[in-house]
PDB file of N, CA and C in Angstrom:
ATOM      1  N   MET A   1     126.336 129.497 129.072  1.00  0.00           N
ATOM      2  CA  MET A   1     127.048 128.517 128.269  1.00  0.00           C
ATOM      3  C   MET A   1     128.310 129.160 127.699  1.00  0.00           C
ATOM      4  N   THR A   2     129.348 128.364 127.680  1.00  0.00           N
ATOM      5  CA  THR A   2     130.593 128.855 127.105  1.00  0.00           C
ATOM      6  C   THR A   2     130.559 128.694 125.587  1.00  0.00           C
ATOM      7  N   THR A   3     131.507 129.311 124.947  1.00  0.00           N
ATOM      8  CA  THR A   3     131.596 129.230 123.487  1.00  0.00           C
ATOM      9  C   THR A   3     131.812 127.792 123.039  1.00  0.00           C
ATOM     10  N   ARG A   4     132.614 127.042 123.788  1.00  0.00           N
ATOM     11  CA  ARG A   4     132.865 125.635 123.431  1.00  0.00           C
ATOM     12  C   ARG A   4     131.593 124.812 123.511  1.00  0.00           C
ATOM     13  N   GLU A   5     130.784 125.074 124.521  1.00  0.00           N
ATOM     14  CA  GLU A   5     129.529 124.335 124.666  1.00  0.00           C
ATOM     15  C   GLU A   5     128.567 124.654 123.532  1.00  0.00           C
ATOM     16  N   VAL A   6     128.520 125.916 123.148  1.00  0.00           N
ATOM     17  CA  VAL A   6     127.645 126.312 122.045  1.00  0.00           C
ATOM     18  C   VAL A   6     128.096 125.647 120.750  1.00  0.00           C
ATOM     19  N   ILE A   7     129.385 125.672 120.499  1.00  0.00           N
ATOM     20  CA  ILE A   7     129.914 125.033 119.288  1.00  0.00           C
ATOM     21  C   ILE A   7     129.621 123.533 119.310  1.00  0.00           C
ATOM     22  N   GLY A   8     129.820 122.889 120.450  1.00  0.00           N
ATOM     23  CA  GLY A   8     129.531 121.466 120.563  1.00  0.00           C
ATOM     24  C   GLY A   8     128.060 121.171 120.329  1.00  0.00           C
ATOM     25  N   PHE A   9     127.189 122.005 120.887  1.00  0.00           N
ATOM     26  CA  PHE A   9     125.756 121.834 120.692  1.00  0.00           C
ATOM     27  C   PHE A   9     125.380 121.989 119.225  1.00  0.00           C
ATOM     28  N   VAL A  10     125.907 123.012 118.578  1.00  0.00           N
ATOM     29  CA  VAL A  10     125.609 123.255 117.162  1.00  0.00           C
ATOM     30  C   VAL A  10     126.109 122.094 116.310  1.00  0.00           C
ATOM     31  N   LEU A  11     127.289 121.602 116.595  1.00  0.00           N
ATOM     32  CA  LEU A  11     127.819 120.459 115.839  1.00  0.00           C
ATOM     33  C   LEU A  11     126.972 119.212 116.051  1.00  0.00           C
ATOM     34  N   ALA A  12     126.511 118.998 117.280  1.00  0.00           N
ATOM     35  CA  ALA A  12     125.660 117.841 117.561  1.00  0.00           C
ATOM     36  C   ALA A  12     124.335 117.945 116.808  1.00  0.00           C
ATOM     37  N   VAL A  13     123.762 119.132 116.774  1.00  0.00           N
ATOM     38  CA  VAL A  13     122.506 119.330 116.036  1.00  0.00           C
ATOM     39  C   VAL A  13     122.731 119.114 114.539  1.00  0.00           C
ATOM     40  N   LEU A  14     123.814 119.643 114.002  1.00  0.00           N
ATOM     41  CA  LEU A  14     124.105 119.450 112.577  1.00  0.00           C
ATOM     42  C   LEU A  14     124.337 117.981 112.238  1.00  0.00           C
ATOM     43  N   ALA A  15     125.048 117.270 113.099  1.00  0.00           N
ATOM     44  CA  ALA A  15     125.281 115.843 112.868  1.00  0.00           C
ATOM     45  C   ALA A  15     123.963 115.071 112.920  1.00  0.00           C
ATOM     46  N   SER A  16     123.097 115.424 113.850  1.00  0.00           N
ATOM     47  CA  SER A  16     121.792 114.762 113.947  1.00  0.00           C
ATOM     48  C   SER A  16     120.951 115.010 112.701  1.00  0.00           C
ATOM     49  N   LEU A  17     120.943 116.248 112.234  1.00  0.00           N
ATOM     50  CA  LEU A  17     120.189 116.573 111.019  1.00  0.00           C
ATOM     51  C   LEU A  17     120.744 115.849 109.803  1.00  0.00           C
ATOM     52  N   LEU A  18     122.061 115.732 109.725  1.00  0.00           N
ATOM     53  CA  LEU A  18     122.683 115.014 108.615  1.00  0.00           C
ATOM     54  C   LEU A  18     122.300 113.535 108.640  1.00  0.00           C
ATOM     55  N   CYS A  19     122.308 112.929 109.810  1.00  0.00           N
ATOM     56  CA  CYS A  19     121.901 111.518 109.929  1.00  0.00           C
ATOM     57  C   CYS A  19     120.435 111.342 109.576  1.00  0.00           C
ATOM     58  N   LEU A  20     119.591 112.259 110.027  1.00  0.00           N
ATOM     59  CA  LEU A  20     118.166 112.189 109.712  1.00  0.00           C
ATOM     60  C   LEU A  20     117.942 112.324 108.217  1.00  0.00           C
ATOM     61  N   TRP A  21     118.630 113.272 107.584  1.00  0.00           N
ATOM     62  CA  TRP A  21     118.500 113.454 106.138  1.00  0.00           C
ATOM     63  C   TRP A  21     118.950 112.194 105.384  1.00  0.00           C
ATOM     64  N   GLY A  22     120.058 111.608 105.817  1.00  0.00           N
ATOM     65  CA  GLY A  22     120.543 110.390 105.169  1.00  0.00           C
ATOM     66  C   GLY A  22     119.568 109.242 105.314  1.00  0.00           C
ATOM     67  N   GLY A  23     118.961 109.105 106.480  1.00  0.00           N
ATOM     68  CA  GLY A  23     117.978 108.045 106.690  1.00  0.00           C
ATOM     69  C   GLY A  23     116.743 108.228 105.834  1.00  0.00           C
ATOM     70  N   VAL A  24     116.258 109.456 105.731  1.00  0.00           N
ATOM     71  CA  VAL A  24     115.082 109.735 104.901  1.00  0.00           C
ATOM     72  C   VAL A  24     115.410 109.471 103.438  1.00  0.00           C
ATOM     73  N   ARG A  25     116.576 109.882 103.017  1.00  0.00           N
ATOM     74  CA  ARG A  25     116.978 109.669 101.620  1.00  0.00           C
ATOM     75  C   ARG A  25     117.077 108.179 101.304  1.00  0.00           C
ATOM     76  N   GLU A  26     117.665 107.408 102.221  1.00  0.00           N
ATOM     77  CA  GLU A  26     117.790 105.963 102.025  1.00  0.00           C
ATOM     78  C   GLU A  26     116.419 105.303 101.967  1.00  0.00           C
ATOM     79  N   ALA A  27     115.503 105.723 102.826  1.00  0.00           N
ATOM     80  CA  ALA A  27     114.153 105.149 102.835  1.00  0.00           C
ATOM     81  C   ALA A  27     113.431 105.459 101.525  1.00  0.00           C
ATOM     82  N   ARG A  28     113.618 106.671 101.000  1.00  0.00           N
ATOM     83  CA  ARG A  28     112.981 107.014  99.726  1.00  0.00           C
ATOM     84  C   ARG A  28     113.551 106.181  98.587  1.00  0.00           C
ATOM     85  N   LEU A  29     114.858 105.953  98.584  1.00  0.00           N
ATOM     86  CA  LEU A  29     115.469 105.139  97.535  1.00  0.00           C
ATOM     87  C   LEU A  29     114.980 103.699  97.603  1.00  0.00           C
ATOM     88  N   GLN A  30     114.858 103.154  98.810  1.00  0.00           N
ATOM     89  CA  GLN A  30     114.375 101.786  98.958  1.00  0.00           C
ATOM     90  C   GLN A  30     112.920 101.669  98.528  1.00  0.00           C
ATOM     91  N   ALA A  31     112.105 102.665  98.849  1.00  0.00           N
ATOM     92  CA  ALA A  31     110.703 102.648  98.443  1.00  0.00           C
ATOM     93  C   ALA A  31     110.590 102.690  96.923  1.00  0.00           C
ATOM     94  N   ARG A  32     111.422 103.511  96.286  1.00  0.00           N
ATOM     95  CA  ARG A  32     111.395 103.587  94.821  1.00  0.00           C
ATOM     96  C   ARG A  32     111.843 102.264  94.199  1.00  0.00           C
ATOM     97  N   LEU A  33     112.839 101.629  94.804  1.00  0.00           N
ATOM     98  CA  LEU A  33     113.292 100.335  94.281  1.00  0.00           C
ATOM     99  C   LEU A  33     112.200  99.281  94.424  1.00  0.00           C
ATOM    100  N   ARG A  34     111.507  99.261  95.574  1.00  0.00           N
ATOM    101  CA  ARG A  34     110.419  98.303  95.748  1.00  0.00           C
ATOM    102  C   ARG A  34     109.282  98.574  94.771  1.00  0.00           C
ATOM    103  N   ARG A  35     109.021  99.840  94.490  1.00  0.00           N
ATOM    104  CA  ARG A  35     107.910 100.200  93.603  1.00  0.00           C
ATOM    105  C   ARG A  35     108.213  99.858  92.153  1.00  0.00           C
ATOM    106  N   TYR A  36     109.399 100.203  91.676  1.00  0.00           N
ATOM    107  CA  TYR A  36     109.717 100.042  90.263  1.00  0.00           C
ATOM    108  C   TYR A  36     110.605  98.850  89.970  1.00  0.00           C
ATOM    109  N   GLY A  37     111.362  98.379  90.949  1.00  0.00           N
ATOM    110  CA  GLY A  37     112.223  97.223  90.768  1.00  0.00           C
ATOM    111  C   GLY A  37     113.387  97.498  89.832  1.00  0.00           C
ATOM    112  N   VAL A  38     114.129  96.464  89.576  1.00  0.00           N
ATOM    113  CA  VAL A  38     115.261  96.531  88.666  1.00  0.00           C
ATOM    114  C   VAL A  38     115.113  95.370  87.694  1.00  0.00           C
ATOM    115  N   HIS A  39     115.127  95.664  86.424  1.00  0.00           N
ATOM    116  CA  HIS A  39     114.984  94.632  85.405  1.00  0.00           C
ATOM    117  C   HIS A  39     116.369  94.133  84.988  1.00  0.00           C
ATOM    118  N   THR A  40     116.532  92.829  85.013  1.00  0.00           N
ATOM    119  CA  THR A  40     117.792  92.224  84.593  1.00  0.00           C
ATOM    120  C   THR A  40     117.494  91.023  83.716  1.00  0.00           C
ATOM    121  N   GLU A  41     118.493  90.566  83.043  1.00  0.00           N
ATOM    122  CA  GLU A  41     118.376  89.356  82.245  1.00  0.00           C
ATOM    123  C   GLU A  41     119.366  88.342  82.778  1.00  0.00           C
ATOM    124  N   GLY A  42     118.990  87.083  82.705  1.00  0.00           N
ATOM    125  CA  GLY A  42     119.882  86.039  83.167  1.00  0.00           C
ATOM    126  C   GLY A  42     119.390  84.679  82.708  1.00  0.00           C
ATOM    127  N   LEU A  43     120.157  83.668  83.016  1.00  0.00           N
ATOM    128  CA  LEU A  43     119.828  82.305  82.646  1.00  0.00           C
ATOM    129  C   LEU A  43     119.819  81.466  83.914  1.00  0.00           C
ATOM    130  N   VAL A  44     118.682  80.877  84.219  1.00  0.00           N
ATOM    131  CA  VAL A  44     118.569  80.002  85.388  1.00  0.00           C
ATOM    132  C   VAL A  44     119.005  78.611  84.958  1.00  0.00           C
ATOM    133  N   VAL A  45     119.997  78.054  85.643  1.00  0.00           N
ATOM    134  CA  VAL A  45     120.516  76.744  85.264  1.00  0.00           C
ATOM    135  C   VAL A  45     120.076  75.642  86.224  1.00  0.00           C
ATOM    136  N   ASP A  46     119.515  76.027  87.381  1.00  0.00           N
ATOM    137  CA  ASP A  46     119.064  75.036  88.354  1.00  0.00           C
ATOM    138  C   ASP A  46     118.172  75.729  89.372  1.00  0.00           C
ATOM    139  N   GLN A  47     117.461  74.934  90.147  1.00  0.00           N
ATOM    140  CA  GLN A  47     116.657  75.466  91.237  1.00  0.00           C
ATOM    141  C   GLN A  47     116.907  74.606  92.464  1.00  0.00           C
ATOM    142  N   LYS A  48     117.071  75.257  93.606  1.00  0.00           N
ATOM    143  CA  LYS A  48     117.336  74.538  94.846  1.00  0.00           C
ATOM    144  C   LYS A  48     116.399  75.043  95.933  1.00  0.00           C
ATOM    145  N   THR A  49     116.156  74.217  96.916  1.00  0.00           N
ATOM    146  CA  THR A  49     115.364  74.634  98.065  1.00  0.00           C
ATOM    147  C   THR A  49     116.270  74.675  99.288  1.00  0.00           C
ATOM    148  N   ALA A  50     116.086  75.699 100.086  1.00  0.00           N
ATOM    149  CA  ALA A  50     116.811  75.780 101.351  1.00  0.00           C
ATOM    150  C   ALA A  50     116.089  74.903 102.369  1.00  0.00           C
ATOM    151  N   PRO A  51     116.773  74.380 103.363  1.00  0.00           N
ATOM    152  CA  PRO A  51     116.126  73.488 104.327  1.00  0.00           C
ATOM    153  C   PRO A  51     114.910  74.097 105.028  1.00  0.00           C
ATOM    154  N   ALA A  52     114.917  75.393 105.298  1.00  0.00           N
ATOM    155  CA  ALA A  52     113.814  76.004 106.038  1.00  0.00           C
ATOM    156  C   ALA A  52     112.795  76.679 105.121  1.00  0.00           C
ATOM    157  N   ASP A  53     112.984  76.631 103.804  1.00  0.00           N
ATOM    158  CA  ASP A  53     112.087  77.320 102.885  1.00  0.00           C
ATOM    159  C   ASP A  53     111.228  76.333 102.121  1.00  0.00           C
ATOM    160  N   ASP A  54     110.056  76.813 101.700  1.00  0.00           N
ATOM    161  CA  ASP A  54     109.142  75.994 100.898  1.00  0.00           C
ATOM    162  C   ASP A  54     109.164  76.398  99.428  1.00  0.00           C
ATOM    163  N   TYR A  55     110.025  77.323  99.048  1.00  0.00           N
ATOM    164  CA  TYR A  55     110.043  77.794  97.671  1.00  0.00           C
ATOM    165  C   TYR A  55     111.394  77.525  97.037  1.00  0.00           C
ATOM    166  N   LEU A  56     111.405  77.515  95.716  1.00  0.00           N
ATOM    167  CA  LEU A  56     112.623  77.256  94.968  1.00  0.00           C
ATOM    168  C   LEU A  56     113.419  78.540  94.765  1.00  0.00           C
ATOM    169  N   THR A  57     114.714  78.415  94.825  1.00  0.00           N
ATOM    170  CA  THR A  57     115.627  79.546  94.604  1.00  0.00           C
ATOM    171  C   THR A  57     116.422  79.286  93.336  1.00  0.00           C
ATOM    172  N   PRO A  58     116.372  80.203  92.359  1.00  0.00           N
ATOM    173  CA  PRO A  58     117.156  80.002  91.140  1.00  0.00           C
ATOM    174  C   PRO A  58     118.653  80.054  91.411  1.00  0.00           C
ATOM    175  N   VAL A  59     119.390  79.245  90.653  1.00  0.00           N
ATOM    176  CA  VAL A  59     120.846  79.202  90.769  1.00  0.00           C
ATOM    177  C   VAL A  59     121.403  79.645  89.432  1.00  0.00           C
ATOM    178  N   ARG A  60     122.379  80.584  89.463  1.00  0.00           N
ATOM    179  CA  ARG A  60     122.964  81.037  88.207  1.00  0.00           C
ATOM    180  C   ARG A  60     124.128  80.165  87.831  1.00  0.00           C
TER     181      ARG A  60
END
């Protein structure tokens, strides 16, 4: 292998590891959000149903 090929291989491996790390980090953040949620305050002024849904959706 030439030096250019080795450098290209190393860069490809580093890019793959960076993408994998980012995906794992994103999955952990989403899991934490699903587990603990986000508390907000608001005022519901109406409720509407979408044509394909059986539940009401609050309207701000």
